Amino acid sequence: MYTLVRQQKDKIPWTKLVWFSQGVLRFDFITWLVFQDRLATGHRTCRWGQTVVGTLFGVEPDPDWEITSTQVLSGSYDRLTFILLRRVLQLTIYFIWRERNARKHDKGRKTGGPAGSDD
């Protein structure tokens, strides 16, 4: 009965990069927000007419998530490599977002701690 009443939608390939059993929920969620273009980054807030407070790499970031996700998904990797590749992608997104927020809200840069720590 459920299959008769449910609305069928196209499969979205990048969901394999966001949701997987070895993922960490906070990294999964931030990555999902990025792919949905729902993260209030400086790039997005410029469209709202707000000025950007600084930049992360000296230029306005403009990631093309479609190209990035296609490159990751089109490669042929063994299971462990694919898990690690997705985790690295999510960690990179999360820590860039966190550093951007720290700079935007005048908390200064995080000093080098172990990768994945919240200090």
C-alpha atoms as a PDB file:
ATOM      1  CA  MET A   1       0.000   0.000   0.000  1.00  0.00           C
ATOM      2  CA  TYR A   2       2.813   2.401   0.865  1.00  0.00           C
ATOM      3  CA  THR A   3       4.406   2.036  -2.571  1.00  0.00           C
ATOM      4  CA  LEU A   4       1.080   2.912  -4.198  1.00  0.00           C
ATOM      5  CA  VAL A   5       0.575   6.192  -2.311  1.00  0.00           C
ATOM      6  CA  ARG A   6       4.150   7.379  -1.941  1.00  0.00           C
ATOM      7  CA  GLN A   7       5.472   9.952  -4.361  1.00  0.00           C
ATOM      8  CA  GLN A   8       8.378   8.664  -6.458  1.00  0.00           C
ATOM      9  CA  LYS A   9      11.338  11.011  -6.799  1.00  0.00           C
ATOM     10  CA  ASP A  10      14.580  10.760  -8.738  1.00  0.00           C
ATOM     11  CA  LYS A  11      17.540   9.269  -6.904  1.00  0.00           C
ATOM     12  CA  ILE A  12      20.143  11.840  -5.971  1.00  0.00           C
ATOM     13  CA  PRO A  13      23.658  10.445  -6.452  1.00  0.00           C
ATOM     14  CA  TRP A  14      25.418  12.659  -3.878  1.00  0.00           C
ATOM     15  CA  THR A  15      23.422  11.115  -1.007  1.00  0.00           C
ATOM     16  CA  LYS A  16      26.036   8.325  -0.945  1.00  0.00           C
ATOM     17  CA  LEU A  17      28.584  10.984   0.023  1.00  0.00           C
ATOM     18  CA  VAL A  18      26.439  12.327   2.848  1.00  0.00           C
ATOM     19  CA  TRP A  19      24.633   9.410   4.470  1.00  0.00           C
ATOM     20  CA  PHE A  20      26.536   6.196   5.202  1.00  0.00           C
ATOM     21  CA  SER A  21      26.728   3.954   8.260  1.00  0.00           C
ATOM     22  CA  GLN A  22      30.333   4.851   9.113  1.00  0.00           C
ATOM     23  CA  GLY A  23      29.602   8.590   9.072  1.00  0.00           C
ATOM     24  CA  VAL A  24      29.510  10.969  12.025  1.00  0.00           C
ATOM     25  CA  LEU A  25      26.133  12.656  12.382  1.00  0.00           C
ATOM     26  CA  ARG A  26      27.348  16.250  12.789  1.00  0.00           C
ATOM     27  CA  PHE A  27      29.637  15.912   9.741  1.00  0.00           C
ATOM     28  CA  ASP A  28      26.813  14.223   7.800  1.00  0.00           C
ATOM     29  CA  PHE A  29      24.431  17.052   8.639  1.00  0.00           C
ATOM     30  CA  ILE A  30      26.813  19.894   7.701  1.00  0.00           C
ATOM     31  CA  THR A  31      27.664  18.096   4.442  1.00  0.00           C
ATOM     32  CA  TRP A  32      23.950  17.677   3.704  1.00  0.00           C
ATOM     33  CA  LEU A  33      23.407  21.407   4.301  1.00  0.00           C
ATOM     34  CA  VAL A  34      26.246  22.200   1.876  1.00  0.00           C
ATOM     35  CA  PHE A  35      24.805  20.010  -0.875  1.00  0.00           C
ATOM     36  CA  GLN A  36      21.352  21.544  -0.288  1.00  0.00           C
ATOM     37  CA  ASP A  37      22.886  25.065  -0.449  1.00  0.00           C
ATOM     38  CA  ARG A  38      21.398  25.778   2.977  1.00  0.00           C
ATOM     39  CA  LEU A  39      24.565  26.669   4.865  1.00  0.00           C
ATOM     40  CA  ALA A  40      24.759  30.404   5.517  1.00  0.00           C
ATOM     41  CA  THR A  41      28.270  30.843   4.158  1.00  0.00           C
ATOM     42  CA  GLY A  42      29.638  34.162   2.995  1.00  0.00           C
ATOM     43  CA  HIS A  43      29.004  33.091  -0.605  1.00  0.00           C
ATOM     44  CA  ARG A  44      25.320  32.535   0.137  1.00  0.00           C
ATOM     45  CA  THR A  45      24.831  35.638   2.306  1.00  0.00           C
ATOM     46  CA  CYS A  46      26.254  37.846  -0.483  1.00  0.00           C
ATOM     47  CA  ARG A  47      23.165  36.975  -2.501  1.00  0.00           C
ATOM     48  CA  TRP A  48      21.062  38.341   0.367  1.00  0.00           C
ATOM     49  CA  GLY A  49      22.895  41.678   0.119  1.00  0.00           C
ATOM     50  CA  GLN A  50      25.032  41.174   3.235  1.00  0.00           C
ATOM     51  CA  THR A  51      28.707  41.933   3.132  1.00  0.00           C
ATOM     52  CA  VAL A  52      31.208  39.183   3.722  1.00  0.00           C
ATOM     53  CA  VAL A  53      33.475  39.565   6.738  1.00  0.00           C
ATOM     54  CA  GLY A  54      36.814  38.329   5.406  1.00  0.00           C
ATOM     55  CA  THR A  55      37.511  35.336   3.242  1.00  0.00           C
ATOM     56  CA  LEU A  56      38.958  31.975   4.063  1.00  0.00           C
ATOM     57  CA  PHE A  57      41.723  31.704   1.452  1.00  0.00           C
ATOM     58  CA  GLY A  58      42.028  35.343   0.389  1.00  0.00           C
ATOM     59  CA  VAL A  59      39.457  34.910  -2.394  1.00  0.00           C
ATOM     60  CA  GLU A  60      35.720  34.348  -2.301  1.00  0.00           C
ATOM     61  CA  PRO A  61      35.152  30.573  -2.122  1.00  0.00           C
ATOM     62  CA  ASP A  62      33.045  29.173  -4.946  1.00  0.00           C
ATOM     63  CA  PRO A  63      33.020  25.350  -4.694  1.00  0.00           C
ATOM     64  CA  ASP A  64      31.324  23.423  -7.441  1.00  0.00           C
ATOM     65  CA  TRP A  65      29.778  20.546  -5.478  1.00  0.00           C
ATOM     66  CA  GLU A  66      28.429  18.857  -8.597  1.00  0.00           C
ATOM     67  CA  ILE A  67      31.947  18.431 -10.042  1.00  0.00           C
ATOM     68  CA  THR A  68      33.379  17.359  -6.680  1.00  0.00           C
ATOM     69  CA  SER A  69      30.667  14.779  -6.037  1.00  0.00           C
ATOM     70  CA  THR A  70      30.877  13.435  -9.595  1.00  0.00           C
ATOM     71  CA  GLN A  71      34.638  12.973  -9.297  1.00  0.00           C
ATOM     72  CA  VAL A  72      34.329  11.116  -5.994  1.00  0.00           C
ATOM     73  CA  LEU A  73      31.397   8.962  -7.109  1.00  0.00           C
ATOM     74  CA  SER A  74      32.804   8.113 -10.555  1.00  0.00           C
ATOM     75  CA  GLY A  75      36.031   6.568  -9.246  1.00  0.00           C
ATOM     76  CA  SER A  76      36.294   2.854  -8.606  1.00  0.00           C
ATOM     77  CA  TYR A  77      37.453   2.378  -5.019  1.00  0.00           C
ATOM     78  CA  ASP A  78      37.526  -0.577  -2.687  1.00  0.00           C
ATOM     79  CA  ARG A  79      35.083  -0.385   0.230  1.00  0.00           C
ATOM     80  CA  LEU A  80      37.538   0.950   2.831  1.00  0.00           C
ATOM     81  CA  THR A  81      38.983   3.597   0.508  1.00  0.00           C
ATOM     82  CA  PHE A  82      35.484   4.839  -0.369  1.00  0.00           C
ATOM     83  CA  ILE A  83      34.567   5.084   3.326  1.00  0.00           C
ATOM     84  CA  LEU A  84      37.753   7.020   4.101  1.00  0.00           C
ATOM     85  CA  LEU A  85      37.337   9.287   1.086  1.00  0.00           C
ATOM     86  CA  ARG A  86      33.820  10.244   2.181  1.00  0.00           C
ATOM     87  CA  ARG A  87      34.969  10.841   5.759  1.00  0.00           C
ATOM     88  CA  VAL A  88      37.813  13.093   4.575  1.00  0.00           C
ATOM     89  CA  LEU A  89      35.412  15.060   2.356  1.00  0.00           C
ATOM     90  CA  GLN A  90      33.014  15.540   5.264  1.00  0.00           C
ATOM     91  CA  LEU A  91      35.761  16.490   7.707  1.00  0.00           C
ATOM     92  CA  THR A  92      37.156  19.018   5.247  1.00  0.00           C
ATOM     93  CA  ILE A  93      33.738  20.623   4.743  1.00  0.00           C
ATOM     94  CA  TYR A  94      33.060  20.687   8.487  1.00  0.00           C
ATOM     95  CA  PHE A  95      36.380  22.224   9.526  1.00  0.00           C
ATOM     96  CA  ILE A  96      36.362  24.845   6.764  1.00  0.00           C
ATOM     97  CA  TRP A  97      32.829  25.796   7.824  1.00  0.00           C
ATOM     98  CA  ARG A  98      33.842  25.898  11.491  1.00  0.00           C
ATOM     99  CA  GLU A  99      36.938  28.023  10.798  1.00  0.00           C
ATOM    100  CA  ARG A 100      34.859  30.369   8.641  1.00  0.00           C
ATOM    101  CA  ASN A 101      32.355  30.806  11.465  1.00  0.00           C
ATOM    102  CA  ALA A 102      35.109  31.383  14.016  1.00  0.00           C
ATOM    103  CA  ARG A 103      36.626  34.135  11.865  1.00  0.00           C
ATOM    104  CA  LYS A 104      33.254  35.673  11.072  1.00  0.00           C
ATOM    105  CA  HIS A 105      32.262  35.878  14.722  1.00  0.00           C
ATOM    106  CA  ASP A 106      35.658  37.200  15.903  1.00  0.00           C
ATOM    107  CA  LYS A 107      36.660  34.115  17.853  1.00  0.00           C
ATOM    108  CA  GLY A 108      39.965  33.976  16.023  1.00  0.00           C
ATOM    109  CA  ARG A 109      41.535  31.017  14.320  1.00  0.00           C
ATOM    110  CA  LYS A 110      41.642  27.623  15.933  1.00  0.00           C
ATOM    111  CA  THR A 111      45.104  26.564  16.877  1.00  0.00           C
ATOM    112  CA  GLY A 112      46.367  23.260  15.576  1.00  0.00           C
ATOM    113  CA  GLY A 113      44.826  20.454  17.584  1.00  0.00           C
ATOM    114  CA  PRO A 114      44.314  16.835  16.627  1.00  0.00           C
ATOM    115  CA  ALA A 115      42.123  16.374  13.560  1.00  0.00           C
ATOM    116  CA  GLY A 116      38.544  15.778  14.622  1.00  0.00           C
ATOM    117  CA  SER A 117      38.939  17.311  18.110  1.00  0.00           C
ATOM    118  CA  ASP A 118      36.664  20.094  19.288  1.00  0.00           C
ATOM    119  CA  ASP A 119      39.155  22.120  21.326  1.00  0.00           C
END
